[in-house]
Amino acid sequence: MRGDCVTESGFQVGLDSPRYYEKQVHALMAPFVEAMVGETVRPGDSVLDVACGTGFATRAAALVAGPGARVEGIDLNPAMIACAAEVASGADANIVWSSGSALDLPFADDQFDSVICQQGLQFFPDPVLGVREMVRVARVGARIGLTVWSSPERTPFLRFETAMLSRHGGGAQAEYSTTEQQLRGWFAAAGLDEVLIELVEVEVDLPPVLKYVPEHLKALPWSAGFFALPKEEQRMALDELDAELAEYRTAYGLTIPFSSYLTTASIPA
């Protein structure tokens, strides 16, 4: 473990945000969680979910690992951990939740059979150190699996929402996507050259923009400026976003593509 590293990440929320994150982000993350857990976790595995947020990937991993398996979720944000611990799930009895930095994991070496990280690595101030810490706590032969959003062009909802926030009350926003080249570079610098990177592309059904987006924005740490705007300007911004996403509109809301890189690797001897 390291005691001298930078721990501040690009995605830190508080107050009620974790509740909105659990409710509004879960649906669009579900296909990528399923793919990551399916490629990484096996029955009986000891599992660590790094930057676990409100724990939907942790809970999915616990269901696969099964009763009696060691499953832990850790996140730098205490509000996320508090929400994760409160969410009811049949898998939760096997999960230990803790608050801590992904860059200084509070675990000894060689502890886990599977280490996962759902949409977290791109927000780390030092992604290479983050991967190194995952490698350190994983046993020989263990699997590491993580997801990050791919290019904004492949995920129009996030691209247009980010642009809307930049125009209307947006402050500094963290970079949420990365490239395959960056991922390979981070893993290679952490000592893992044999990695598999798969582009996972799915279509997700979402409620209408005017219903869904305000709730989704409440889950994001960089949206405070938007909610400080007069209601009329907020509505204008949402109408602009609705028009930009018109091609994805359905009778029930949106059916829209999301795209993420799934990166997996095994720990060599």
Protein backbone atom coordinates (compact mmCIF):
# COMPACT_ATOMS: atom_id res chain seq x y z
CA MET A 1 0.00 0.00 0.00
CA ARG A 2 1.11 3.56 -0.69
CA GLY A 3 0.80 6.47 1.68
CA ASP A 4 2.05 9.29 -0.57
CA CYS A 5 -0.24 9.17 -3.58
CA VAL A 6 -2.77 11.66 -4.89
CA THR A 7 -6.24 10.38 -4.14
CA GLU A 8 -8.61 13.01 -5.57
CA SER A 9 -10.63 11.62 -8.48
CA GLY A 10 -12.62 13.27 -11.23
CA PHE A 11 -15.96 11.90 -10.04
CA GLN A 12 -16.88 12.82 -6.49
CA VAL A 13 -20.45 13.45 -5.37
CA GLY A 14 -22.24 14.11 -2.12
CA LEU A 15 -25.60 14.73 -0.51
CA ASP A 16 -28.39 13.09 -2.53
CA SER A 17 -26.35 12.43 -5.69
CA PRO A 18 -25.63 8.74 -4.95
CA ARG A 19 -29.36 8.05 -4.71
CA TYR A 20 -29.89 9.51 -8.18
CA TYR A 21 -26.79 7.68 -9.43
CA GLU A 22 -28.17 4.33 -8.25
CA LYS A 23 -31.59 4.98 -9.75
CA GLN A 24 -30.78 6.74 -13.02
CA VAL A 25 -27.36 5.40 -14.04
CA HIS A 26 -27.98 1.75 -13.24
CA ALA A 27 -30.13 1.11 -16.33
CA LEU A 28 -27.62 2.39 -18.85
CA MET A 29 -24.72 0.65 -17.09
CA ALA A 30 -26.44 -2.76 -16.81
CA PRO A 31 -25.33 -4.26 -20.16
CA PHE A 32 -21.70 -3.32 -19.51
CA VAL A 33 -21.79 -4.62 -15.95
CA GLU A 34 -23.15 -7.92 -17.25
CA ALA A 35 -20.39 -8.17 -19.87
CA MET A 36 -17.61 -7.28 -17.43
CA VAL A 37 -18.75 -9.61 -14.67
CA GLY A 38 -19.37 -12.41 -17.16
CA GLU A 39 -15.80 -12.18 -18.47
CA THR A 40 -14.12 -11.74 -15.09
CA VAL A 41 -15.91 -13.39 -12.16
CA ARG A 42 -16.30 -17.14 -11.56
CA PRO A 43 -18.29 -19.04 -8.92
CA GLY A 44 -16.40 -19.13 -5.64
CA ASP A 45 -14.13 -16.19 -6.52
CA SER A 46 -12.99 -13.65 -4.00
CA VAL A 47 -13.87 -10.35 -5.69
CA LEU A 48 -12.88 -6.71 -5.27
CA ASP A 49 -14.86 -3.96 -6.99
CA VAL A 50 -12.67 -0.83 -7.20
CA ALA A 51 -14.43 2.55 -7.38
CA CYS A 52 -17.64 0.64 -6.80
CA GLY A 53 -19.97 3.63 -6.58
CA THR A 54 -23.36 2.55 -5.30
CA GLY A 55 -22.44 -1.06 -5.88
CA PHE A 56 -24.46 -2.36 -8.80
CA ALA A 57 -21.40 -4.10 -10.29
CA THR A 58 -20.43 -5.37 -6.84
CA ARG A 59 -23.85 -6.92 -6.35
CA ALA A 60 -23.78 -8.48 -9.81
CA ALA A 61 -20.37 -9.99 -9.02
CA ALA A 62 -21.63 -11.33 -5.68
CA LEU A 63 -24.47 -13.14 -7.44
CA VAL A 64 -21.97 -14.90 -9.71
CA ALA A 65 -19.40 -15.60 -6.97
CA GLY A 66 -22.14 -17.19 -4.90
CA PRO A 67 -22.91 -17.67 -1.20
CA GLY A 68 -19.90 -17.64 1.07
CA ALA A 69 -17.57 -15.95 -1.42
CA ARG A 70 -15.57 -12.95 -0.27
CA VAL A 71 -16.85 -9.86 -2.11
CA GLU A 72 -15.73 -6.32 -1.29
CA GLY A 73 -16.60 -2.93 -2.75
CA ILE A 74 -14.44 0.13 -2.19
CA ASP A 75 -14.94 3.75 -3.24
CA LEU A 76 -13.22 7.00 -2.34
CA ASN A 77 -16.58 8.70 -1.85
CA PRO A 78 -18.18 7.91 1.53
CA ALA A 79 -21.60 9.00 0.24
CA MET A 80 -21.45 6.35 -2.48
CA ILE A 81 -20.50 3.67 0.05
CA ALA A 82 -23.29 4.71 2.39
CA CYS A 83 -25.81 4.38 -0.45
CA ALA A 84 -24.35 1.02 -1.54
CA ALA A 85 -24.74 -0.36 1.97
CA GLU A 86 -28.38 0.74 2.08
CA VAL A 87 -29.53 -0.72 -1.23
CA ALA A 88 -31.51 -3.90 -0.65
CA SER A 89 -30.27 -6.99 -2.49
CA GLY A 90 -30.14 -10.68 -1.77
CA ALA A 91 -26.42 -10.61 -2.56
CA ASP A 92 -25.57 -7.88 -0.06
CA ALA A 93 -25.13 -10.25 2.90
CA ASN A 94 -21.79 -11.36 1.41
CA ILE A 95 -20.46 -7.87 0.60
CA VAL A 96 -18.11 -5.78 2.71
CA TRP A 97 -18.20 -2.07 1.87
CA SER A 98 -15.35 0.34 2.62
CA SER A 99 -14.20 3.83 1.74
CA GLY A 100 -10.70 4.22 0.36
CA SER A 101 -8.57 5.29 -2.57
CA ALA A 102 -8.14 3.15 -5.68
CA LEU A 103 -4.57 4.44 -5.76
CA ASP A 104 -3.79 3.12 -2.28
CA LEU A 105 -5.96 0.06 -1.77
CA PRO A 106 -6.12 -0.98 1.90
CA PHE A 107 -5.45 -4.65 1.18
CA ALA A 108 -2.39 -6.86 1.36
CA ASP A 109 -0.87 -8.35 -1.79
CA ASP A 110 -2.38 -11.39 -3.52
CA GLN A 111 -5.86 -11.24 -2.02
CA PHE A 112 -8.44 -11.58 -4.80
CA ASP A 113 -9.35 -13.94 -7.64
CA SER A 114 -11.19 -11.20 -9.54
CA VAL A 115 -10.78 -7.42 -9.54
CA ILE A 116 -13.34 -5.31 -11.39
CA CYS A 117 -13.80 -1.59 -12.02
CA GLN A 118 -16.92 -0.26 -13.73
CA GLN A 119 -16.45 3.15 -15.41
CA GLY A 120 -13.91 4.34 -12.87
CA LEU A 121 -10.39 4.14 -14.31
CA GLN A 122 -10.80 7.16 -16.61
CA PHE A 123 -11.49 9.36 -13.58
CA PHE A 124 -8.38 8.31 -11.64
CA PRO A 125 -5.73 11.05 -11.37
CA ASP A 126 -3.14 8.33 -12.11
CA PRO A 127 -4.67 5.47 -14.14
CA VAL A 128 -1.40 3.54 -14.29
CA LEU A 129 -1.10 3.53 -10.51
CA GLY A 130 -4.74 2.45 -10.33
CA VAL A 131 -4.04 -0.58 -12.53
CA ARG A 132 -0.87 -1.37 -10.57
CA GLU A 133 -2.87 -1.43 -7.35
CA MET A 134 -5.41 -3.82 -8.91
CA VAL A 135 -2.55 -6.06 -10.02
CA ARG A 136 -0.93 -5.91 -6.56
CA VAL A 137 -3.99 -7.16 -4.70
CA ALA A 138 -4.79 -9.85 -7.28
CA ARG A 139 -3.45 -13.38 -7.01
CA VAL A 140 -1.44 -15.14 -9.70
CA GLY A 141 -3.92 -16.30 -12.33
CA ALA A 142 -6.56 -13.81 -11.15
CA ARG A 143 -8.59 -11.84 -13.67
CA ILE A 144 -8.90 -8.07 -13.93
CA GLY A 145 -11.89 -6.65 -15.78
CA LEU A 146 -12.89 -3.05 -16.27
CA THR A 147 -14.95 -0.82 -18.51
CA VAL A 148 -14.54 2.77 -19.72
CA TRP A 149 -16.66 4.70 -22.18
CA SER A 150 -15.27 4.75 -25.71
CA SER A 151 -15.24 7.80 -28.00
CA PRO A 152 -18.06 10.33 -27.54
CA GLU A 153 -19.08 9.82 -31.17
CA ARG A 154 -20.18 6.29 -30.28
CA THR A 155 -22.22 7.42 -27.27
CA PRO A 156 -24.35 10.35 -28.45
CA PHE A 157 -26.35 10.73 -25.24
CA LEU A 158 -23.26 11.50 -23.17
CA ARG A 159 -21.73 13.59 -25.97
CA PHE A 160 -24.76 15.86 -26.40
CA GLU A 161 -25.48 16.04 -22.67
CA THR A 162 -21.87 17.10 -22.00
CA ALA A 163 -22.08 19.75 -24.73
CA MET A 164 -25.37 21.02 -23.32
CA LEU A 165 -23.81 21.42 -19.87
CA SER A 166 -20.88 23.31 -21.38
CA ARG A 167 -23.30 25.78 -22.96
CA HIS A 168 -25.60 26.14 -19.98
CA GLY A 169 -24.04 26.58 -16.57
CA GLY A 170 -21.40 23.92 -16.87
CA GLY A 171 -18.24 24.04 -14.84
CA ALA A 172 -15.17 21.87 -15.34
CA GLN A 173 -16.20 18.39 -16.46
CA ALA A 174 -14.03 15.31 -16.12
CA GLU A 175 -13.01 13.40 -19.23
CA TYR A 176 -15.30 10.36 -19.22
CA SER A 177 -14.01 8.48 -22.29
CA THR A 178 -10.71 7.05 -23.42
CA THR A 179 -9.12 5.28 -26.37
CA GLU A 180 -7.93 1.73 -26.91
CA GLN A 181 -4.38 3.06 -27.26
CA GLN A 182 -4.59 4.78 -23.86
CA LEU A 183 -5.92 1.61 -22.23
CA ARG A 184 -3.14 -0.53 -23.67
CA GLY A 185 -0.59 2.04 -22.55
CA TRP A 186 -1.90 2.13 -18.98
CA PHE A 187 -1.93 -1.65 -18.68
CA ALA A 188 1.52 -2.01 -20.26
CA ALA A 189 2.96 0.60 -17.88
CA ALA A 190 1.45 -1.41 -15.01
CA GLY A 191 3.21 -4.56 -16.23
CA LEU A 192 0.38 -6.23 -18.18
CA ASP A 193 1.04 -6.54 -21.89
CA GLU A 194 -1.41 -9.37 -22.61
CA VAL A 195 -4.77 -7.62 -22.47
CA LEU A 196 -7.99 -8.15 -24.37
CA ILE A 197 -9.93 -5.02 -25.30
CA GLU A 198 -13.43 -5.48 -26.69
CA LEU A 199 -15.75 -2.74 -27.91
CA VAL A 200 -19.17 -3.43 -26.38
CA GLU A 201 -21.96 -1.61 -28.18
CA VAL A 202 -25.58 -1.76 -27.06
CA GLU A 203 -28.81 0.15 -27.47
CA VAL A 204 -30.39 1.37 -24.25
CA ASP A 205 -34.00 2.40 -23.70
CA LEU A 206 -34.33 5.58 -21.67
CA PRO A 207 -37.30 7.73 -20.65
CA PRO A 208 -37.96 11.00 -22.54
CA VAL A 209 -35.30 13.70 -22.25
CA LEU A 210 -37.44 16.06 -20.16
CA LYS A 211 -38.15 13.31 -17.65
CA TYR A 212 -34.82 11.48 -17.56
CA VAL A 213 -32.08 14.07 -18.00
CA PRO A 214 -32.81 16.29 -14.95
CA GLU A 215 -32.67 13.19 -12.75
CA HIS A 216 -29.51 11.94 -14.47
CA LEU A 217 -27.81 15.32 -14.05
CA LYS A 218 -28.41 15.17 -10.31
CA ALA A 219 -26.07 12.17 -10.25
CA LEU A 220 -23.19 14.10 -11.83
CA PRO A 221 -20.68 16.13 -9.80
CA TRP A 222 -20.33 18.85 -12.45
CA SER A 223 -24.00 19.77 -12.89
CA ALA A 224 -24.45 22.25 -10.00
CA GLY A 225 -24.15 25.19 -12.39
CA PHE A 226 -27.03 23.88 -14.47
CA PHE A 227 -29.37 23.71 -11.49
CA ALA A 228 -28.35 27.24 -10.45
CA LEU A 229 -29.82 28.56 -13.70
CA PRO A 230 -33.34 30.02 -13.85
CA LYS A 231 -35.95 27.36 -14.57
CA GLU A 232 -36.64 28.93 -17.96
CA GLU A 233 -33.01 28.51 -19.05
CA GLN A 234 -32.91 24.94 -17.73
CA ARG A 235 -35.98 24.13 -19.82
CA MET A 236 -34.45 25.79 -22.90
CA ALA A 237 -31.30 23.70 -22.47
CA LEU A 238 -33.32 20.50 -22.15
CA ASP A 239 -35.34 21.38 -25.23
CA GLU A 240 -32.09 21.87 -27.16
CA LEU A 241 -30.87 18.46 -26.02
CA ASP A 242 -34.20 16.88 -26.93
CA ALA A 243 -33.90 18.28 -30.45
CA GLU A 244 -30.31 17.05 -30.82
CA LEU A 245 -31.42 13.52 -29.83
CA ALA A 246 -34.53 13.57 -32.01
CA GLU A 247 -33.35 10.74 -34.28
CA TYR A 248 -33.30 8.39 -31.27
CA ARG A 249 -36.76 9.34 -30.04
CA THR A 250 -39.44 6.66 -29.72
CA ALA A 251 -43.02 6.64 -28.53
CA TYR A 252 -41.75 5.88 -25.02
CA GLY A 253 -38.56 7.92 -24.79
CA LEU A 254 -35.17 7.20 -26.36
CA THR A 255 -33.54 4.12 -27.83
CA ILE A 256 -29.95 5.19 -28.11
CA PRO A 257 -26.52 3.58 -28.58
CA PHE A 258 -23.95 3.41 -25.80
CA SER A 259 -20.42 2.13 -26.35
CA SER A 260 -17.77 1.05 -23.88
CA TYR A 261 -14.40 -0.66 -23.92
CA LEU A 262 -14.26 -3.87 -21.90
CA THR A 263 -10.66 -4.59 -20.92
CA THR A 264 -9.65 -7.89 -19.35
CA ALA A 265 -6.31 -9.37 -18.33
CA SER A 266 -4.96 -12.24 -16.24
CA ILE A 267 -2.21 -11.93 -13.65
CA PRO A 268 0.85 -13.87 -14.85
CA ALA A 269 3.08 -15.94 -12.60
